[in-house]
Amino acid sequence: QQDSRRSFIAFFRHEVESASVKDSTRRNQLTTLALLEDFCKELTFADITFECVAAFEQYLRAKGYHPNTIAKHLKHLKRQVNSAINKDYMEIQKYAFRKFKIRTVESKHSHLTPEELGKLESLKLPGSYNRLQHTLDAFLFCCYAGLRYSDFTALTPSALSTAGRRTWLTYRSVKTRTEVRLPLSLLFGGKGLRILDKYNGRLDEFFRLKNNSNANKQLQLLARLAGLEKHVTFHTARHTNATLLVYHGVNITTVQKLLGHKSVKTTQGYANVMDMTVVHDLEKSAGRRARRE
């Protein structure tokens, strides 16, 4: 049996840094480690008890994290506790997660309606809030292109190319490794291109953001400034893109390709917008009838 007084923090860091995982996975696990260090600078193996894990959960809740984000961090912690037990640094009889239940809530796709998106598009940032313009522009670009935060921040200027007088954005998804090609001029009236033009010569800077958590906190502030009550995160941009494409009648298999989904079943998860689409189609039909009469 190894010395239980050794640093669990150091063990956690070594395990993550030496693991054969995707860079995005490593970054996520290191974010958990940073939060754990903020919670308690020094933790030995003996310190990792049921009470410690429960206190860490409460600490994350007090910081305002979503229940599913808290669950993600606790799963990362549990993974390293399991690894420590397997390597005989901790006793299985003292397993902290034996009676600890990691709680999640059902997550629904959150998207912006055309009116809500319009409020963000027309938002003017006064004075000290001007520092949020970069985050706002990045979010709007992701709405027009359907990008995840991880894919946006992995972009470089070389992802843009011109073919047949059209500008294309080509990238490989960090999450699925699927290649996606987007004709930016044909999406949302070319609004994404206009944002890129605004950062002409500074695209490397444009594609760099604060970490996902801080960027989402800035988005929440932007949403309040725009008069939105909805909880807005960077992933809301991807859901907004899919929702509005379906709303405007784009074929579901085309939306699948634009989002880089491997299966159309994933894309059909946006079926909650079908009611909006039905209303939209009926309104158009009613308008045509009224003009004929």
Protein backbone atom coordinates (compact mmCIF):
# COMPACT_ATOMS: atom_id res chain seq x y z
CA GLN A 1 0.00 0.00 0.00
CA GLN A 2 1.37 3.40 -1.00
CA ASP A 3 1.61 6.38 1.37
CA SER A 4 -1.89 7.89 1.62
CA ARG A 5 -0.37 11.25 2.60
CA ARG A 6 0.95 11.82 -0.89
CA SER A 7 -0.58 14.61 -2.98
CA PHE A 8 -3.76 13.65 -4.83
CA ILE A 9 -3.49 16.94 -6.74
CA ALA A 10 -0.06 15.99 -8.11
CA PHE A 11 -1.36 12.52 -9.00
CA PHE A 12 -4.39 14.00 -10.81
CA ARG A 13 -2.16 16.34 -12.84
CA HIS A 14 0.28 13.58 -13.81
CA GLU A 15 -2.53 11.23 -14.87
CA VAL A 16 -4.15 13.86 -17.09
CA GLU A 17 -0.93 15.10 -18.66
CA SER A 18 0.30 11.60 -19.46
CA ALA A 19 -3.02 10.18 -20.70
CA SER A 20 -3.58 9.36 -24.39
CA VAL A 21 -6.68 11.51 -24.85
CA LYS A 22 -7.88 14.25 -27.19
CA ASP A 23 -6.61 17.76 -26.42
CA SER A 24 -10.18 18.89 -25.71
CA THR A 25 -10.61 16.07 -23.16
CA ARG A 26 -7.31 16.98 -21.51
CA ARG A 27 -8.34 20.64 -21.28
CA ASN A 28 -11.67 19.68 -19.71
CA GLN A 29 -9.98 17.49 -17.10
CA LEU A 30 -7.41 20.18 -16.30
CA THR A 31 -10.29 22.64 -15.78
CA THR A 32 -11.67 20.24 -13.16
CA LEU A 33 -8.23 20.05 -11.55
CA ALA A 34 -7.97 23.86 -11.42
CA LEU A 35 -11.37 24.04 -9.69
CA LEU A 36 -10.30 21.34 -7.24
CA GLU A 37 -7.14 23.33 -6.42
CA ASP A 38 -9.23 26.47 -5.91
CA PHE A 39 -11.45 24.46 -3.57
CA CYS A 40 -8.48 23.15 -1.58
CA LYS A 41 -4.86 23.86 -2.50
CA GLU A 42 -3.46 20.70 -0.93
CA LEU A 43 -5.32 17.40 -0.96
CA THR A 44 -3.74 14.08 -0.02
CA PHE A 45 -5.16 10.70 -0.99
CA ALA A 46 -6.49 10.35 2.56
CA ASP A 47 -8.40 13.64 2.19
CA ILE A 48 -10.60 12.31 -0.63
CA THR A 49 -13.60 11.22 1.44
CA PHE A 50 -17.38 11.29 0.92
CA GLU A 51 -17.47 14.54 2.90
CA CYS A 52 -14.75 16.08 0.73
CA VAL A 53 -16.57 15.20 -2.50
CA ALA A 54 -19.88 16.55 -1.12
CA ALA A 55 -18.16 19.79 -0.08
CA PHE A 56 -16.59 20.11 -3.55
CA GLU A 57 -20.04 19.66 -5.13
CA GLN A 58 -21.43 22.40 -2.85
CA TYR A 59 -18.48 24.65 -3.75
CA LEU A 60 -19.24 24.28 -7.49
CA ARG A 61 -22.94 24.92 -6.86
CA ALA A 62 -22.10 28.11 -4.95
CA LYS A 63 -20.03 29.28 -7.93
CA GLY A 64 -23.18 29.09 -10.06
CA TYR A 65 -22.32 26.14 -12.31
CA HIS A 66 -25.14 24.28 -14.07
CA PRO A 67 -25.98 20.89 -12.46
CA ASN A 68 -24.77 19.01 -15.54
CA THR A 69 -21.48 20.95 -15.53
CA ILE A 70 -21.02 20.05 -11.87
CA ALA A 71 -21.74 16.40 -12.76
CA LYS A 72 -19.08 16.55 -15.48
CA HIS A 73 -16.44 17.81 -13.02
CA LEU A 74 -17.41 15.17 -10.44
CA LYS A 75 -17.10 12.44 -13.08
CA HIS A 76 -13.58 13.67 -13.89
CA LEU A 77 -12.75 13.52 -10.16
CA LYS A 78 -14.26 10.04 -9.85
CA ARG A 79 -12.18 8.82 -12.79
CA GLN A 80 -8.96 9.84 -11.03
CA VAL A 81 -10.10 8.37 -7.70
CA ASN A 82 -10.75 5.06 -9.50
CA SER A 83 -7.31 5.26 -11.09
CA ALA A 84 -5.68 5.91 -7.70
CA ILE A 85 -7.43 2.85 -6.24
CA ASN A 86 -6.36 0.70 -9.19
CA LYS A 87 -2.75 1.82 -8.61
CA ASP A 88 -2.94 1.12 -4.86
CA TYR A 89 -2.64 4.74 -3.73
CA MET A 90 -6.05 4.56 -2.04
CA GLU A 91 -7.95 1.83 -0.22
CA ILE A 92 -11.11 0.61 -1.92
CA GLN A 93 -12.77 0.27 1.50
CA LYS A 94 -12.62 4.08 1.80
CA TYR A 95 -14.01 4.72 -1.72
CA ALA A 96 -15.48 8.26 -1.62
CA PHE A 97 -18.03 7.61 -4.36
CA ARG A 98 -19.47 4.40 -2.84
CA LYS A 99 -22.59 6.23 -1.58
CA PHE A 100 -22.17 9.54 -3.40
CA LYS A 101 -24.66 10.01 -6.24
CA ILE A 102 -23.65 12.29 -9.13
CA ARG A 103 -26.82 14.16 -10.07
CA THR A 104 -27.76 15.41 -13.54
CA VAL A 105 -30.86 17.07 -14.93
CA GLU A 106 -32.50 16.48 -18.29
CA SER A 107 -30.95 18.89 -20.76
CA LYS A 108 -33.13 20.40 -23.46
CA HIS A 109 -31.79 22.09 -26.57
CA SER A 110 -31.80 25.81 -25.84
CA HIS A 111 -31.98 28.00 -28.94
CA LEU A 112 -32.73 31.60 -29.83
CA THR A 113 -35.80 32.58 -31.80
CA PRO A 114 -35.31 34.91 -34.78
CA GLU A 115 -36.50 37.81 -32.57
CA GLU A 116 -34.05 36.94 -29.77
CA LEU A 117 -31.17 36.60 -32.22
CA GLY A 118 -32.14 39.98 -33.68
CA LYS A 119 -31.85 41.59 -30.24
CA LEU A 120 -28.26 40.39 -29.92
CA GLU A 121 -27.46 41.44 -33.51
CA SER A 122 -28.66 44.99 -32.84
CA LEU A 123 -27.11 45.25 -29.35
CA LYS A 124 -24.95 48.35 -28.89
CA LEU A 125 -22.37 48.03 -26.14
CA PRO A 126 -21.76 51.29 -24.26
CA GLY A 127 -18.58 52.33 -22.47
CA SER A 128 -17.04 49.65 -20.29
CA TYR A 129 -19.19 46.95 -21.91
CA ASN A 130 -17.36 47.45 -25.19
CA ARG A 131 -14.86 44.80 -24.02
CA LEU A 132 -17.60 42.21 -24.63
CA GLN A 133 -17.85 42.96 -28.37
CA HIS A 134 -15.38 40.23 -29.33
CA THR A 135 -17.38 37.59 -27.42
CA LEU A 136 -20.64 38.85 -28.95
CA ASP A 137 -19.23 38.74 -32.50
CA ALA A 138 -17.80 35.24 -31.92
CA PHE A 139 -21.17 34.00 -30.62
CA LEU A 140 -23.06 35.49 -33.57
CA PHE A 141 -20.57 33.94 -36.00
CA CYS A 142 -21.16 30.56 -34.34
CA CYS A 143 -24.92 31.10 -34.74
CA TYR A 144 -24.46 31.66 -38.47
CA ALA A 145 -21.96 28.79 -38.93
CA GLY A 146 -23.29 26.27 -36.36
CA LEU A 147 -19.93 25.88 -34.62
CA ARG A 148 -19.20 24.43 -31.22
CA TYR A 149 -16.97 26.51 -28.92
CA SER A 150 -14.17 23.92 -29.34
CA ASP A 151 -14.37 24.09 -33.14
CA PHE A 152 -14.45 27.90 -33.22
CA THR A 153 -11.37 28.25 -31.00
CA ALA A 154 -9.51 25.65 -33.09
CA LEU A 155 -9.99 27.65 -36.32
CA THR A 156 -7.17 29.39 -38.15
CA PRO A 157 -7.33 31.76 -41.15
CA SER A 158 -6.32 28.82 -43.39
CA ALA A 159 -9.79 27.31 -42.76
CA LEU A 160 -11.16 29.91 -45.18
CA SER A 161 -10.94 29.40 -48.92
CA THR A 162 -12.54 30.75 -52.10
CA ALA A 163 -14.03 28.52 -54.80
CA GLY A 164 -16.43 29.56 -57.52
CA ARG A 165 -16.63 33.09 -56.13
CA ARG A 166 -17.87 31.71 -52.83
CA THR A 167 -16.05 31.76 -49.49
CA TRP A 168 -15.96 28.39 -47.76
CA LEU A 169 -15.13 27.53 -44.17
CA THR A 170 -13.63 24.04 -43.90
CA TYR A 171 -12.82 22.49 -40.53
CA ARG A 172 -12.54 19.11 -38.84
CA SER A 173 -14.73 18.77 -35.75
CA VAL A 174 -12.71 18.49 -32.55
CA LYS A 175 -15.40 16.24 -31.05
CA THR A 176 -16.25 13.88 -33.93
CA ARG A 177 -13.26 14.37 -36.30
CA THR A 178 -15.81 14.84 -39.12
CA GLU A 179 -14.82 17.30 -41.88
CA VAL A 180 -17.37 20.05 -42.46
CA ARG A 181 -17.51 22.50 -45.40
CA LEU A 182 -19.69 25.59 -45.08
CA PRO A 183 -20.54 28.03 -47.89
CA LEU A 184 -20.62 31.12 -45.67
CA SER A 185 -22.15 33.41 -48.29
CA LEU A 186 -25.24 31.18 -48.47
CA LEU A 187 -25.82 30.91 -44.73
CA PHE A 188 -27.96 33.58 -43.05
CA GLY A 189 -27.46 36.04 -45.90
CA GLY A 190 -23.68 36.03 -45.53
CA LYS A 191 -23.79 37.58 -42.05
CA GLY A 192 -20.87 35.40 -40.94
CA LEU A 193 -18.71 36.80 -43.75
CA ARG A 194 -19.46 40.35 -42.64
CA ILE A 195 -18.20 39.53 -39.15
CA LEU A 196 -15.01 38.03 -40.62
CA ASP A 197 -14.52 41.18 -42.71
CA LYS A 198 -14.69 43.21 -39.50
CA TYR A 199 -11.68 41.25 -38.19
CA ASN A 200 -9.77 41.24 -41.47
CA GLY A 201 -6.07 40.92 -40.69
CA ARG A 202 -6.88 39.92 -37.08
CA LEU A 203 -8.55 36.55 -37.60
CA ASP A 204 -6.06 34.68 -35.39
CA GLU A 205 -7.09 37.04 -32.59
CA PHE A 206 -10.80 36.67 -33.43
CA PHE A 207 -10.66 32.87 -33.15
CA ARG A 208 -9.16 33.05 -29.64
CA LEU A 209 -11.49 33.41 -26.68
CA LYS A 210 -11.34 33.10 -22.92
CA ASN A 211 -11.97 29.57 -21.64
CA ASN A 212 -15.48 28.25 -22.23
CA SER A 213 -16.67 28.95 -18.69
CA ASN A 214 -15.61 32.62 -18.72
CA ALA A 215 -16.92 33.11 -22.26
CA ASN A 216 -20.30 31.73 -21.17
CA LYS A 217 -20.39 34.12 -18.20
CA GLN A 218 -19.83 37.00 -20.62
CA LEU A 219 -22.64 35.65 -22.82
CA GLN A 220 -25.01 35.67 -19.87
CA LEU A 221 -24.21 39.34 -19.29
CA LEU A 222 -24.71 40.07 -23.00
CA ALA A 223 -28.07 38.28 -22.91
CA ARG A 224 -29.21 40.43 -19.99
CA LEU A 225 -28.05 43.60 -21.76
CA ALA A 226 -30.11 42.54 -24.80
CA GLY A 227 -33.17 41.98 -22.61
CA LEU A 228 -33.17 38.17 -22.93
CA GLU A 229 -34.37 36.01 -20.04
CA LYS A 230 -33.02 32.82 -21.60
CA HIS A 231 -29.91 31.03 -20.33
CA VAL A 232 -27.41 31.51 -23.18
CA THR A 233 -24.16 29.58 -23.64
CA PHE A 234 -21.88 29.09 -26.63
CA HIS A 235 -23.63 25.81 -27.39
CA THR A 236 -26.87 27.81 -27.75
CA ALA A 237 -25.33 29.15 -30.99
CA ARG A 238 -25.14 25.66 -32.52
CA HIS A 239 -28.71 24.86 -31.52
CA THR A 240 -29.85 28.24 -32.86
CA ASN A 241 -28.20 27.54 -36.20
CA ALA A 242 -29.91 24.15 -36.58
CA THR A 243 -33.25 25.44 -35.33
CA LEU A 244 -33.39 28.40 -37.70
CA LEU A 245 -32.23 26.37 -40.70
CA VAL A 246 -35.04 23.87 -40.10
CA TYR A 247 -37.44 26.76 -39.43
CA HIS A 248 -36.62 28.25 -42.82
CA GLY A 249 -37.27 24.95 -44.57
CA VAL A 250 -33.75 23.58 -45.09
CA ASN A 251 -33.84 19.80 -45.59
CA ILE A 252 -32.90 17.86 -42.45
CA THR A 253 -30.13 15.91 -44.24
CA THR A 254 -28.60 19.20 -45.42
CA VAL A 255 -28.67 20.48 -41.82
CA GLN A 256 -26.99 17.21 -40.82
CA LYS A 257 -24.10 17.91 -43.23
CA LEU A 258 -23.79 21.55 -42.17
CA LEU A 259 -23.54 20.53 -38.50
CA GLY A 260 -21.22 17.60 -39.16
CA HIS A 261 -23.51 15.07 -37.50
CA LYS A 262 -22.55 11.49 -38.31
CA SER A 263 -26.17 10.36 -38.06
CA VAL A 264 -29.34 12.17 -39.12
CA LYS A 265 -30.91 10.87 -35.89
CA THR A 266 -28.77 13.38 -33.98
CA THR A 267 -30.05 16.18 -36.19
CA GLN A 268 -33.62 15.04 -35.66
CA GLY A 269 -33.10 15.95 -32.01
CA TYR A 270 -34.09 19.42 -33.17
CA ALA A 271 -37.60 18.19 -33.88
CA ASN A 272 -38.86 20.44 -31.08
CA VAL A 273 -38.73 23.26 -33.63
CA MET A 274 -41.20 21.52 -35.91
CA ASP A 275 -44.09 23.31 -34.20
CA MET A 276 -42.40 26.60 -35.07
CA THR A 277 -41.98 25.40 -38.64
CA VAL A 278 -45.63 24.41 -38.92
CA VAL A 279 -46.72 27.84 -37.67
CA HIS A 280 -44.29 29.54 -40.04
CA ASP A 281 -45.57 27.56 -43.05
CA LEU A 282 -49.21 28.19 -42.14
CA GLU A 283 -48.56 31.91 -41.71
CA LYS A 284 -46.96 32.02 -45.18
CA SER A 285 -49.90 30.10 -46.61
CA ALA A 286 -52.40 32.42 -44.91
CA GLY A 287 -50.53 35.43 -46.29
CA ARG A 288 -50.67 34.06 -49.84
CA ARG A 289 -54.41 33.40 -49.52
CA ALA A 290 -55.02 36.91 -48.19
CA ARG A 291 -53.15 38.43 -51.17
CA ARG A 292 -55.21 36.37 -53.65
CA GLU A 293 -58.44 37.47 -52.01
